[in-house]
N, C-alpha and C. Protein backbone atom coordinates (compact mmCIF):
# COMPACT_ATOMS: atom_id res chain seq x y z
N MET A 1 56.94 73.67 -233.48
CA MET A 1 58.07 73.05 -232.79
C MET A 1 58.74 74.08 -231.88
N ALA A 2 58.92 73.71 -230.61
CA ALA A 2 59.48 74.63 -229.64
C ALA A 2 60.95 74.92 -229.94
N PHE A 3 61.37 76.12 -229.59
CA PHE A 3 62.77 76.50 -229.81
C PHE A 3 63.60 76.14 -228.59
N ILE A 4 64.81 75.63 -228.83
CA ILE A 4 65.75 75.28 -227.77
C ILE A 4 67.02 76.10 -227.96
N ASP A 5 67.48 76.73 -226.90
CA ASP A 5 68.72 77.50 -226.94
C ASP A 5 69.90 76.52 -226.94
N ILE A 6 70.70 76.55 -228.00
CA ILE A 6 71.82 75.62 -228.13
C ILE A 6 72.78 75.73 -226.94
N SER A 7 72.94 76.93 -226.40
CA SER A 7 73.90 77.14 -225.31
C SER A 7 73.50 76.39 -224.03
N THR A 8 72.25 75.94 -223.95
CA THR A 8 71.80 75.21 -222.76
C THR A 8 72.06 73.71 -222.87
N LEU A 9 72.53 73.25 -224.02
CA LEU A 9 72.73 71.83 -224.26
C LEU A 9 74.16 71.40 -223.94
N ASP A 10 74.30 70.20 -223.43
CA ASP A 10 75.61 69.62 -223.17
C ASP A 10 76.06 68.89 -224.44
N PRO A 11 77.10 69.40 -225.13
CA PRO A 11 77.52 68.77 -226.40
C PRO A 11 77.88 67.30 -226.27
N ALA A 12 78.35 66.91 -225.10
CA ALA A 12 78.75 65.51 -224.90
C ALA A 12 77.55 64.59 -224.70
N LYS A 13 76.37 65.18 -224.46
CA LYS A 13 75.19 64.36 -224.18
C LYS A 13 74.00 64.77 -225.06
N THR A 14 74.29 65.34 -226.23
CA THR A 14 73.23 65.78 -227.13
C THR A 14 73.50 65.29 -228.54
N ILE A 15 72.50 64.73 -229.17
CA ILE A 15 72.57 64.38 -230.59
C ILE A 15 71.52 65.20 -231.32
N VAL A 16 71.95 65.97 -232.31
CA VAL A 16 71.00 66.72 -233.13
C VAL A 16 70.57 65.85 -234.29
N VAL A 17 69.27 65.74 -234.48
CA VAL A 17 68.70 64.95 -235.57
C VAL A 17 68.39 65.90 -236.72
N SER A 18 68.97 65.63 -237.87
CA SER A 18 68.86 66.55 -239.00
C SER A 18 67.48 66.45 -239.64
N THR A 19 66.50 67.04 -238.95
CA THR A 19 65.11 67.01 -239.42
C THR A 19 64.33 68.11 -238.72
N GLY A 20 63.19 68.44 -239.29
CA GLY A 20 62.24 69.32 -238.63
C GLY A 20 61.02 68.55 -238.18
N ASN A 21 61.08 67.23 -238.31
CA ASN A 21 59.96 66.35 -238.02
C ASN A 21 60.08 65.78 -236.61
N ALA A 22 59.22 66.22 -235.71
CA ALA A 22 59.29 65.77 -234.32
C ALA A 22 59.02 64.28 -234.19
N HIS A 23 58.15 63.71 -235.05
CA HIS A 23 57.85 62.28 -234.99
C HIS A 23 59.08 61.45 -235.33
N LYS A 24 59.90 61.94 -236.24
CA LYS A 24 61.12 61.20 -236.59
C LYS A 24 62.09 61.18 -235.42
N VAL A 25 62.16 62.27 -234.69
CA VAL A 25 63.03 62.32 -233.51
C VAL A 25 62.60 61.28 -232.49
N VAL A 26 61.30 61.17 -232.27
CA VAL A 26 60.77 60.18 -231.32
C VAL A 26 61.12 58.77 -231.76
N GLU A 27 60.94 58.49 -233.05
CA GLU A 27 61.24 57.17 -233.58
C GLU A 27 62.72 56.82 -233.40
N ILE A 28 63.59 57.78 -233.68
CA ILE A 28 65.03 57.56 -233.56
C ILE A 28 65.42 57.37 -232.09
N GLU A 29 64.85 58.21 -231.22
CA GLU A 29 65.19 58.12 -229.80
C GLU A 29 64.73 56.81 -229.19
N GLU A 30 63.59 56.28 -229.63
CA GLU A 30 63.08 55.03 -229.07
C GLU A 30 64.06 53.88 -229.28
N ILE A 31 64.79 53.91 -230.38
CA ILE A 31 65.71 52.82 -230.69
C ILE A 31 67.14 53.13 -230.22
N LEU A 32 67.67 54.30 -230.60
CA LEU A 32 69.05 54.62 -230.23
C LEU A 32 69.17 54.97 -228.75
N GLY A 33 68.07 55.45 -228.15
CA GLY A 33 68.12 55.79 -226.73
C GLY A 33 68.36 54.59 -225.83
N LYS A 34 68.06 53.40 -226.33
CA LYS A 34 68.28 52.19 -225.54
C LYS A 34 69.77 51.90 -225.36
N VAL A 35 70.58 52.31 -226.31
CA VAL A 35 72.03 52.08 -226.20
C VAL A 35 72.77 53.37 -225.86
N LEU A 36 72.05 54.50 -225.89
CA LEU A 36 72.63 55.80 -225.51
C LEU A 36 71.69 56.47 -224.49
N PRO A 37 71.53 55.85 -223.32
CA PRO A 37 70.51 56.30 -222.37
C PRO A 37 70.74 57.69 -221.78
N GLU A 38 71.96 58.18 -221.79
CA GLU A 38 72.26 59.48 -221.19
C GLU A 38 72.17 60.62 -222.20
N VAL A 39 71.86 60.28 -223.44
CA VAL A 39 71.89 61.28 -224.52
C VAL A 39 70.51 61.87 -224.77
N ARG A 40 70.48 63.17 -225.03
CA ARG A 40 69.24 63.85 -225.40
C ARG A 40 69.22 64.03 -226.92
N PHE A 41 68.09 63.72 -227.54
CA PHE A 41 67.93 63.89 -228.98
C PHE A 41 67.07 65.12 -229.25
N VAL A 42 67.57 66.02 -230.10
CA VAL A 42 66.82 67.24 -230.44
C VAL A 42 66.82 67.40 -231.96
N ALA A 43 65.73 67.93 -232.48
CA ALA A 43 65.64 68.16 -233.93
C ALA A 43 66.39 69.42 -234.32
N LEU A 44 67.00 69.40 -235.47
CA LEU A 44 67.67 70.60 -235.98
C LEU A 44 66.69 71.77 -236.04
N GLY A 45 65.44 71.47 -236.40
CA GLY A 45 64.42 72.51 -236.50
C GLY A 45 64.09 73.15 -235.16
N GLU A 46 64.45 72.49 -234.05
CA GLU A 46 64.23 73.07 -232.72
C GLU A 46 65.34 74.04 -232.34
N LEU A 47 66.43 74.02 -233.08
CA LEU A 47 67.60 74.83 -232.72
C LEU A 47 67.76 76.06 -233.58
N GLY A 48 66.94 76.21 -234.59
CA GLY A 48 67.02 77.39 -235.45
C GLY A 48 66.31 77.16 -236.77
N ASP A 49 66.18 78.23 -237.53
CA ASP A 49 65.51 78.16 -238.83
C ASP A 49 66.57 78.03 -239.91
N PHE A 50 67.04 76.80 -240.12
CA PHE A 50 68.12 76.56 -241.06
C PHE A 50 67.56 76.12 -242.41
N PRO A 51 68.17 76.56 -243.51
CA PRO A 51 67.73 76.05 -244.82
C PRO A 51 68.07 74.58 -244.95
N ASP A 52 67.42 73.90 -245.88
CA ASP A 52 67.68 72.48 -246.09
C ASP A 52 69.09 72.27 -246.63
N ALA A 53 69.69 71.16 -246.24
CA ALA A 53 70.99 70.78 -246.80
C ALA A 53 70.83 70.44 -248.28
N VAL A 54 71.89 70.62 -249.05
CA VAL A 54 71.88 70.29 -250.47
C VAL A 54 72.23 68.80 -250.60
N GLU A 55 71.23 68.00 -250.93
CA GLU A 55 71.42 66.54 -251.01
C GLU A 55 71.80 66.16 -252.44
N ASP A 56 73.09 66.20 -252.72
CA ASP A 56 73.55 65.90 -254.07
C ASP A 56 74.44 64.66 -254.11
N GLY A 57 74.27 63.78 -253.13
CA GLY A 57 75.05 62.54 -253.11
C GLY A 57 74.54 61.52 -254.11
N GLU A 58 75.37 60.53 -254.40
CA GLU A 58 75.00 59.49 -255.37
C GLU A 58 74.32 58.30 -254.71
N THR A 59 74.40 58.21 -253.38
CA THR A 59 73.80 57.07 -252.67
C THR A 59 73.01 57.59 -251.47
N PHE A 60 72.19 56.73 -250.88
CA PHE A 60 71.46 57.09 -249.67
C PHE A 60 72.43 57.43 -248.54
N PHE A 61 73.49 56.64 -248.42
CA PHE A 61 74.51 56.91 -247.39
C PHE A 61 75.11 58.30 -247.60
N ASP A 62 75.47 58.63 -248.83
CA ASP A 62 76.06 59.94 -249.12
C ASP A 62 75.16 61.07 -248.64
N ASN A 63 73.87 60.98 -248.97
CA ASN A 63 72.94 62.05 -248.60
C ASN A 63 72.72 62.11 -247.10
N ALA A 64 72.66 60.96 -246.44
CA ALA A 64 72.51 60.96 -244.99
C ALA A 64 73.72 61.61 -244.33
N LEU A 65 74.91 61.31 -244.84
CA LEU A 65 76.13 61.89 -244.29
C LEU A 65 76.17 63.40 -244.52
N ILE A 66 75.74 63.83 -245.71
CA ILE A 66 75.68 65.26 -246.00
C ILE A 66 74.79 65.97 -244.99
N LYS A 67 73.62 65.39 -244.71
CA LYS A 67 72.68 66.02 -243.78
C LYS A 67 73.20 66.01 -242.35
N ALA A 68 73.85 64.93 -241.95
CA ALA A 68 74.38 64.85 -240.59
C ALA A 68 75.50 65.88 -240.39
N ARG A 69 76.41 65.96 -241.34
CA ARG A 69 77.52 66.92 -241.21
C ARG A 69 77.02 68.36 -241.32
N TYR A 70 75.98 68.56 -242.07
CA TYR A 70 75.37 69.89 -242.17
C TYR A 70 74.80 70.30 -240.81
N ALA A 71 74.15 69.37 -240.12
CA ALA A 71 73.61 69.66 -238.80
C ALA A 71 74.72 70.00 -237.80
N LEU A 72 75.86 69.30 -237.91
CA LEU A 72 77.00 69.62 -237.05
C LEU A 72 77.49 71.03 -237.33
N ALA A 73 77.61 71.37 -238.61
CA ALA A 73 78.10 72.69 -238.99
C ALA A 73 77.16 73.80 -238.54
N CYS A 74 75.86 73.56 -238.62
CA CYS A 74 74.86 74.57 -238.24
C CYS A 74 74.84 74.83 -236.74
N THR A 75 75.08 73.79 -235.96
CA THR A 75 74.87 73.90 -234.51
C THR A 75 76.14 73.96 -233.68
N GLY A 76 77.24 73.45 -234.21
CA GLY A 76 78.46 73.38 -233.43
C GLY A 76 78.45 72.28 -232.39
N LEU A 77 77.43 71.42 -232.45
CA LEU A 77 77.37 70.30 -231.52
C LEU A 77 78.32 69.18 -231.96
N ALA A 78 78.46 68.17 -231.13
CA ALA A 78 79.48 67.15 -231.37
C ALA A 78 78.97 65.90 -232.07
N MET A 79 77.63 65.70 -232.09
CA MET A 79 77.07 64.49 -232.67
C MET A 79 75.78 64.82 -233.42
N ALA A 80 75.59 64.18 -234.56
CA ALA A 80 74.37 64.40 -235.34
C ALA A 80 73.96 63.11 -236.03
N VAL A 81 72.65 62.90 -236.12
CA VAL A 81 72.08 61.75 -236.83
C VAL A 81 71.24 62.26 -237.99
N ALA A 82 71.32 61.56 -239.10
CA ALA A 82 70.48 61.87 -240.26
C ALA A 82 70.18 60.58 -241.00
N ASP A 83 69.07 60.57 -241.73
CA ASP A 83 68.75 59.41 -242.54
C ASP A 83 68.36 59.86 -243.94
N ASP A 84 68.51 58.96 -244.88
CA ASP A 84 68.02 59.19 -246.23
C ASP A 84 67.44 57.88 -246.72
N SER A 85 66.33 57.97 -247.41
CA SER A 85 65.65 56.75 -247.82
C SER A 85 64.92 56.96 -249.13
N GLY A 86 64.50 55.85 -249.72
CA GLY A 86 63.76 55.93 -250.96
C GLY A 86 63.32 54.56 -251.43
N LEU A 87 62.61 54.56 -252.53
CA LEU A 87 62.07 53.34 -253.12
C LEU A 87 62.97 52.85 -254.25
N CYS A 88 63.28 51.57 -254.23
CA CYS A 88 64.11 50.96 -255.28
C CYS A 88 63.30 49.84 -255.94
N VAL A 89 62.99 50.02 -257.21
CA VAL A 89 62.14 49.07 -257.93
C VAL A 89 63.02 48.24 -258.87
N ASP A 90 62.98 46.92 -258.72
CA ASP A 90 63.86 46.04 -259.50
C ASP A 90 63.63 46.18 -261.00
N ALA A 91 62.38 46.23 -261.43
CA ALA A 91 62.07 46.30 -262.86
C ALA A 91 62.52 47.62 -263.49
N LEU A 92 62.80 48.61 -262.65
CA LEU A 92 63.25 49.92 -263.14
C LEU A 92 64.73 50.15 -262.86
N GLY A 93 65.45 49.06 -262.65
CA GLY A 93 66.89 49.16 -262.43
C GLY A 93 67.27 49.87 -261.14
N GLY A 94 66.38 49.81 -260.14
CA GLY A 94 66.65 50.46 -258.86
C GLY A 94 66.06 51.85 -258.73
N ALA A 95 65.49 52.38 -259.80
CA ALA A 95 64.84 53.69 -259.74
C ALA A 95 63.55 53.58 -258.92
N PRO A 96 63.09 54.70 -258.36
CA PRO A 96 63.68 56.04 -258.40
C PRO A 96 64.87 56.25 -257.48
N GLY A 97 65.12 55.37 -256.52
CA GLY A 97 66.33 55.44 -255.70
C GLY A 97 66.47 56.76 -254.97
N VAL A 98 67.67 57.36 -255.04
CA VAL A 98 67.92 58.61 -254.32
C VAL A 98 67.09 59.76 -254.85
N TRP A 99 66.47 59.56 -256.01
CA TRP A 99 65.62 60.60 -256.60
C TRP A 99 64.16 60.43 -256.21
N SER A 100 63.85 59.55 -255.27
CA SER A 100 62.47 59.19 -254.95
C SER A 100 61.58 60.39 -254.68
N ALA A 101 62.04 61.35 -253.89
CA ALA A 101 61.18 62.47 -253.50
C ALA A 101 60.94 63.45 -254.64
N ARG A 102 61.81 63.45 -255.64
CA ARG A 102 61.69 64.43 -256.73
C ARG A 102 61.70 63.76 -258.10
N TRP A 103 61.24 62.52 -258.16
CA TRP A 103 61.32 61.72 -259.38
C TRP A 103 60.53 62.35 -260.52
N ALA A 104 59.37 62.92 -260.21
CA ALA A 104 58.53 63.52 -261.26
C ALA A 104 58.91 64.97 -261.55
N GLY A 105 59.94 65.48 -260.85
CA GLY A 105 60.43 66.82 -261.15
C GLY A 105 60.35 67.78 -260.00
N GLU A 106 59.30 67.71 -259.20
CA GLU A 106 59.13 68.64 -258.08
C GLU A 106 59.29 67.89 -256.77
N HIS A 107 60.12 68.42 -255.87
CA HIS A 107 60.38 67.74 -254.61
C HIS A 107 59.10 67.60 -253.80
N GLY A 108 58.83 66.36 -253.37
CA GLY A 108 57.68 66.11 -252.50
C GLY A 108 56.34 66.06 -253.19
N ALA A 109 56.34 65.98 -254.53
CA ALA A 109 55.07 65.91 -255.27
C ALA A 109 54.60 64.46 -255.30
N ASP A 110 53.98 64.00 -254.20
CA ASP A 110 53.64 62.59 -254.05
C ASP A 110 52.72 62.08 -255.16
N ASP A 111 51.68 62.82 -255.48
CA ASP A 111 50.73 62.36 -256.50
C ASP A 111 51.41 62.19 -257.85
N ALA A 112 52.23 63.16 -258.22
CA ALA A 112 52.93 63.08 -259.50
C ALA A 112 53.93 61.93 -259.51
N ASN A 113 54.61 61.70 -258.41
CA ASN A 113 55.56 60.59 -258.32
C ASN A 113 54.84 59.24 -258.45
N ASN A 114 53.70 59.11 -257.79
CA ASN A 114 52.95 57.86 -257.87
C ASN A 114 52.37 57.63 -259.26
N GLU A 115 51.92 58.69 -259.89
CA GLU A 115 51.42 58.57 -261.26
C GLU A 115 52.52 58.13 -262.21
N LYS A 116 53.72 58.66 -262.02
CA LYS A 116 54.85 58.25 -262.85
C LYS A 116 55.19 56.79 -262.61
N LEU A 117 55.16 56.37 -261.35
CA LEU A 117 55.46 54.97 -261.03
C LEU A 117 54.44 54.04 -261.67
N MET A 118 53.17 54.40 -261.64
CA MET A 118 52.15 53.56 -262.27
C MET A 118 52.35 53.48 -263.78
N ARG A 119 52.74 54.58 -264.40
CA ARG A 119 53.00 54.57 -265.85
C ARG A 119 54.19 53.66 -266.17
N GLU A 120 55.25 53.81 -265.41
CA GLU A 120 56.47 53.04 -265.66
C GLU A 120 56.25 51.55 -265.45
N MET A 121 55.34 51.20 -264.53
CA MET A 121 55.11 49.80 -264.17
C MET A 121 53.89 49.20 -264.87
N ALA A 122 53.24 49.94 -265.73
CA ALA A 122 51.96 49.50 -266.32
C ALA A 122 52.04 48.15 -267.01
N ASP A 123 53.14 47.87 -267.69
CA ASP A 123 53.27 46.63 -268.45
C ASP A 123 54.15 45.59 -267.76
N VAL A 124 54.50 45.83 -266.50
CA VAL A 124 55.37 44.89 -265.77
C VAL A 124 54.51 43.81 -265.13
N PRO A 125 54.75 42.54 -265.44
CA PRO A 125 53.93 41.45 -264.88
C PRO A 125 54.14 41.27 -263.39
N GLU A 126 53.19 40.65 -262.75
CA GLU A 126 53.21 40.49 -261.29
C GLU A 126 54.51 39.91 -260.75
N PRO A 127 55.07 38.84 -261.34
CA PRO A 127 56.28 38.26 -260.76
C PRO A 127 57.48 39.21 -260.76
N GLU A 128 57.43 40.26 -261.58
CA GLU A 128 58.58 41.16 -261.71
C GLU A 128 58.36 42.51 -261.02
N ARG A 129 57.33 42.58 -260.15
CA ARG A 129 57.01 43.85 -259.52
C ARG A 129 57.65 44.00 -258.13
N THR A 130 58.74 43.31 -257.90
CA THR A 130 59.44 43.37 -256.61
C THR A 130 60.13 44.71 -256.41
N ALA A 131 60.17 45.14 -255.15
CA ALA A 131 60.78 46.42 -254.82
C ALA A 131 61.09 46.45 -253.34
N ARG A 132 61.77 47.49 -252.92
CA ARG A 132 62.05 47.66 -251.49
C ARG A 132 62.23 49.14 -251.19
N PHE A 133 61.84 49.51 -249.98
CA PHE A 133 62.25 50.79 -249.43
C PHE A 133 63.59 50.57 -248.75
N HIS A 134 64.54 51.46 -248.99
CA HIS A 134 65.86 51.36 -248.36
C HIS A 134 66.12 52.61 -247.54
N SER A 135 66.78 52.43 -246.40
CA SER A 135 67.16 53.56 -245.55
C SER A 135 68.61 53.43 -245.12
N SER A 136 69.31 54.54 -245.14
CA SER A 136 70.64 54.65 -244.55
C SER A 136 70.57 55.67 -243.42
N VAL A 137 71.04 55.29 -242.23
CA VAL A 137 71.08 56.18 -241.08
C VAL A 137 72.54 56.39 -240.70
N VAL A 138 72.93 57.64 -240.52
CA VAL A 138 74.32 57.97 -240.21
C VAL A 138 74.40 58.73 -238.90
N LEU A 139 75.33 58.34 -238.05
CA LEU A 139 75.69 59.09 -236.85
C LEU A 139 77.08 59.66 -237.09
N ALA A 140 77.15 60.98 -237.21
CA ALA A 140 78.43 61.65 -237.50
C ALA A 140 78.90 62.41 -236.27
N TYR A 141 80.20 62.36 -236.06
CA TYR A 141 80.82 63.06 -234.93
C TYR A 141 81.65 64.23 -235.43
N ALA A 142 81.82 65.23 -234.57
CA ALA A 142 82.56 66.43 -234.95
C ALA A 142 84.02 66.12 -235.28
N ASP A 143 84.55 65.00 -234.76
CA ASP A 143 85.94 64.65 -235.06
C ASP A 143 86.10 63.97 -236.42
N GLY A 144 85.00 63.82 -237.14
CA GLY A 144 85.04 63.24 -238.49
C GLY A 144 84.67 61.78 -238.56
N SER A 145 84.57 61.10 -237.42
CA SER A 145 84.22 59.68 -237.44
C SER A 145 82.73 59.51 -237.72
N VAL A 146 82.41 58.33 -238.24
CA VAL A 146 81.04 58.06 -238.70
C VAL A 146 80.67 56.61 -238.39
N LEU A 147 79.44 56.42 -237.93
CA LEU A 147 78.84 55.09 -237.83
C LEU A 147 77.56 55.12 -238.64
N SER A 148 77.20 53.98 -239.23
CA SER A 148 75.99 53.97 -240.05
C SER A 148 75.24 52.66 -239.92
N GLY A 149 73.97 52.69 -240.27
CA GLY A 149 73.13 51.51 -240.32
C GLY A 149 72.35 51.48 -241.61
N GLU A 150 72.07 50.28 -242.11
CA GLU A 150 71.32 50.12 -243.36
C GLU A 150 70.11 49.22 -243.11
N GLY A 151 69.01 49.53 -243.77
CA GLY A 151 67.82 48.72 -243.59
C GLY A 151 66.92 48.71 -244.80
N ASP A 152 66.20 47.61 -244.99
CA ASP A 152 65.27 47.47 -246.11
C ASP A 152 63.91 47.00 -245.62
N CYS A 153 62.89 47.37 -246.38
CA CYS A 153 61.55 46.81 -246.23
C CYS A 153 61.18 46.25 -247.59
N GLU A 154 61.17 44.93 -247.70
CA GLU A 154 60.91 44.27 -248.98
C GLU A 154 59.41 44.25 -249.29
N GLY A 155 59.10 44.32 -250.58
CA GLY A 155 57.70 44.28 -250.96
C GLY A 155 57.51 44.28 -252.46
N ARG A 156 56.32 44.74 -252.87
CA ARG A 156 55.96 44.74 -254.29
C ARG A 156 55.23 46.03 -254.61
N ILE A 157 55.17 46.37 -255.88
CA ILE A 157 54.46 47.55 -256.34
C ILE A 157 53.06 47.15 -256.79
N GLY A 158 52.05 47.81 -256.20
CA GLY A 158 50.68 47.55 -256.57
C GLY A 158 50.31 48.24 -257.89
N TYR A 159 49.08 48.02 -258.32
CA TYR A 159 48.61 48.58 -259.59
C TYR A 159 47.90 49.92 -259.42
N THR A 160 47.27 50.11 -258.28
CA THR A 160 46.58 51.36 -257.99
C THR A 160 46.82 51.75 -256.53
N PRO A 161 46.81 53.04 -256.22
CA PRO A 161 47.04 53.49 -254.84
C PRO A 161 45.90 53.04 -253.92
N VAL A 162 46.27 52.55 -252.72
CA VAL A 162 45.29 52.13 -251.73
C VAL A 162 45.76 52.61 -250.36
N GLY A 163 44.85 53.24 -249.61
CA GLY A 163 45.17 53.67 -248.26
C GLY A 163 45.42 55.17 -248.18
N THR A 164 45.22 55.70 -246.99
CA THR A 164 45.36 57.15 -246.78
C THR A 164 46.40 57.51 -245.74
N ASN A 165 47.01 56.53 -245.11
CA ASN A 165 48.06 56.82 -244.13
C ASN A 165 49.40 56.97 -244.85
N GLY A 166 50.37 57.50 -244.14
CA GLY A 166 51.71 57.61 -244.71
C GLY A 166 51.84 58.70 -245.74
N PHE A 167 52.85 58.55 -246.59
CA PHE A 167 53.15 59.57 -247.59
C PHE A 167 53.99 58.94 -248.68
N GLY A 168 54.37 59.72 -249.65
CA GLY A 168 55.24 59.22 -250.72
C GLY A 168 54.60 58.08 -251.48
N TYR A 169 55.35 57.00 -251.64
CA TYR A 169 54.90 55.84 -252.41
C TYR A 169 54.14 54.82 -251.58
N ASP A 170 53.85 55.15 -250.33
CA ASP A 170 53.18 54.19 -249.43
C ASP A 170 51.90 53.59 -250.01
N PRO A 171 51.05 54.36 -250.73
CA PRO A 171 49.80 53.77 -251.25
C PRO A 171 50.02 52.71 -252.34
N LEU A 172 51.20 52.66 -252.94
CA LEU A 172 51.47 51.69 -254.00
C LEU A 172 52.39 50.56 -253.55
N PHE A 173 52.90 50.65 -252.32
CA PHE A 173 53.88 49.67 -251.86
C PHE A 173 53.24 48.65 -250.93
N LEU A 174 53.35 47.38 -251.29
CA LEU A 174 52.79 46.27 -250.52
C LEU A 174 53.92 45.53 -249.81
N PRO A 175 54.14 45.79 -248.53
CA PRO A 175 55.23 45.12 -247.81
C PRO A 175 55.00 43.62 -247.71
N ASP A 176 56.07 42.86 -247.85
CA ASP A 176 55.97 41.40 -247.68
C ASP A 176 55.49 41.04 -246.27
N ASP A 177 55.78 41.90 -245.28
CA ASP A 177 55.43 41.62 -243.88
C ASP A 177 53.95 41.78 -243.60
N THR A 178 53.22 42.47 -244.49
CA THR A 178 51.78 42.70 -244.26
C THR A 178 51.02 42.34 -245.53
N PRO A 179 50.91 41.06 -245.87
CA PRO A 179 50.30 40.63 -247.13
C PRO A 179 48.90 41.22 -247.35
N GLY A 180 48.70 41.74 -248.55
CA GLY A 180 47.39 42.26 -248.92
C GLY A 180 47.12 43.68 -248.50
N ARG A 181 48.07 44.31 -247.78
CA ARG A 181 47.89 45.69 -247.35
C ARG A 181 49.07 46.54 -247.79
N THR A 182 48.76 47.74 -248.27
CA THR A 182 49.83 48.67 -248.63
C THR A 182 50.38 49.34 -247.38
N MET A 183 51.51 49.98 -247.53
CA MET A 183 52.10 50.72 -246.42
C MET A 183 51.14 51.82 -245.94
N ALA A 184 50.35 52.35 -246.86
CA ALA A 184 49.41 53.42 -246.52
C ALA A 184 48.17 52.93 -245.79
N GLN A 185 48.02 51.62 -245.65
CA GLN A 185 46.90 51.05 -244.89
C GLN A 185 47.31 50.68 -243.47
N LEU A 186 48.56 50.88 -243.14
CA LEU A 186 49.05 50.51 -241.82
C LEU A 186 48.97 51.69 -240.86
N GLU A 187 48.70 51.39 -239.58
CA GLU A 187 48.80 52.42 -238.56
C GLU A 187 50.28 52.71 -238.33
N LEU A 188 50.57 53.92 -237.84
CA LEU A 188 51.96 54.34 -237.69
C LEU A 188 52.77 53.38 -236.84
N ALA A 189 52.19 52.91 -235.73
CA ALA A 189 52.92 52.01 -234.84
C ALA A 189 53.31 50.72 -235.55
N GLU A 190 52.40 50.20 -236.39
CA GLU A 190 52.69 48.96 -237.12
C GLU A 190 53.74 49.22 -238.19
N LYS A 191 53.59 50.32 -238.89
CA LYS A 191 54.56 50.67 -239.92
C LYS A 191 55.96 50.79 -239.34
N ASN A 192 56.06 51.41 -238.16
CA ASN A 192 57.37 51.63 -237.56
C ASN A 192 58.09 50.34 -237.18
N THR A 193 57.34 49.25 -237.00
CA THR A 193 57.98 47.99 -236.61
C THR A 193 58.50 47.19 -237.81
N ILE A 194 58.14 47.60 -239.03
CA ILE A 194 58.60 46.87 -240.21
C ILE A 194 59.35 47.78 -241.19
N SER A 195 59.42 49.06 -240.90
CA SER A 195 59.93 50.01 -241.88
C SER A 195 61.43 49.87 -242.11
N HIS A 196 61.86 50.37 -243.24
CA HIS A 196 63.28 50.39 -243.59
C HIS A 196 64.08 51.22 -242.58
N ARG A 197 63.51 52.36 -242.11
CA ARG A 197 64.23 53.17 -241.13
C ARG A 197 64.38 52.42 -239.82
N PHE A 198 63.33 51.69 -239.41
CA PHE A 198 63.42 50.88 -238.20
C PHE A 198 64.58 49.90 -238.30
N HIS A 199 64.68 49.18 -239.41
CA HIS A 199 65.75 48.20 -239.57
C HIS A 199 67.12 48.87 -239.62
N ALA A 200 67.20 50.05 -240.24
CA ALA A 200 68.48 50.77 -240.30
C ALA A 200 68.90 51.25 -238.91
N LEU A 201 67.93 51.72 -238.12
CA LEU A 201 68.22 52.18 -236.76
C LEU A 201 68.65 51.02 -235.87
N VAL A 202 68.00 49.87 -236.02
CA VAL A 202 68.40 48.69 -235.25
C VAL A 202 69.82 48.28 -235.62
N ASP A 203 70.15 48.36 -236.91
CA ASP A 203 71.50 48.04 -237.37
C ASP A 203 72.52 48.99 -236.74
N LEU A 204 72.21 50.28 -236.74
CA LEU A 204 73.11 51.26 -236.14
C LEU A 204 73.23 51.04 -234.63
N ALA A 205 72.10 50.77 -233.97
CA ALA A 205 72.11 50.55 -232.53
C ALA A 205 72.98 49.35 -232.15
N SER A 206 72.97 48.31 -233.00
CA SER A 206 73.77 47.12 -232.72
C SER A 206 75.26 47.45 -232.74
N LYS A 207 75.65 48.42 -233.57
CA LYS A 207 77.07 48.82 -233.64
C LYS A 207 77.44 49.71 -232.46
N LEU A 208 76.50 50.53 -232.02
CA LEU A 208 76.75 51.38 -230.86
C LEU A 208 76.83 50.56 -229.58
N GLY A 209 76.05 49.47 -229.56
CA GLY A 209 76.02 48.65 -228.35
C GLY A 209 77.08 47.58 -228.32
N ALA A 210 77.85 47.46 -229.41
CA ALA A 210 78.86 46.40 -229.49
C ALA A 210 80.02 46.64 -228.51
């Protein structure tokens, strides 16, 4: 990821995205850029080598806000966007929820997380295997004001992992919008049109454009 000198950016026309993932910046810009056409979106990882924010919130919104305000503090810019998302399984009382990435103990251990999900769901009958990916997207301003969007991708939990695209719980999640295919069987462009983050960004964009 290329480095950008913060001093060259116009704070009034720059939004820092609290991520090191260039693809996420593109996804966010494609939607929010339609209602903020004069704004440049840059990844936090393009502005310096910052440690990860401590995500200790109780909700997806809390963690997204923590990350957005952390990006403001790191850069001194006036606007920041961040998202937080995870899998919520009805039969498990909403778990893993905000703990999705570290449910099995180690952050980002996808195989271990999926194995735990299969164990927890082993005896759950088909009608009760409903679940959703949820995303909260927050736009935080240096003056303390906040706008947010919420989005869901409804679906079900499969019995065995299928597909090689995506990450996390994608191989076990069967979106209602793509019957018979897991999230991990979808191409990125198709996934982006039904994803929880897409719906959360559209929700946020509707508030910005109001």
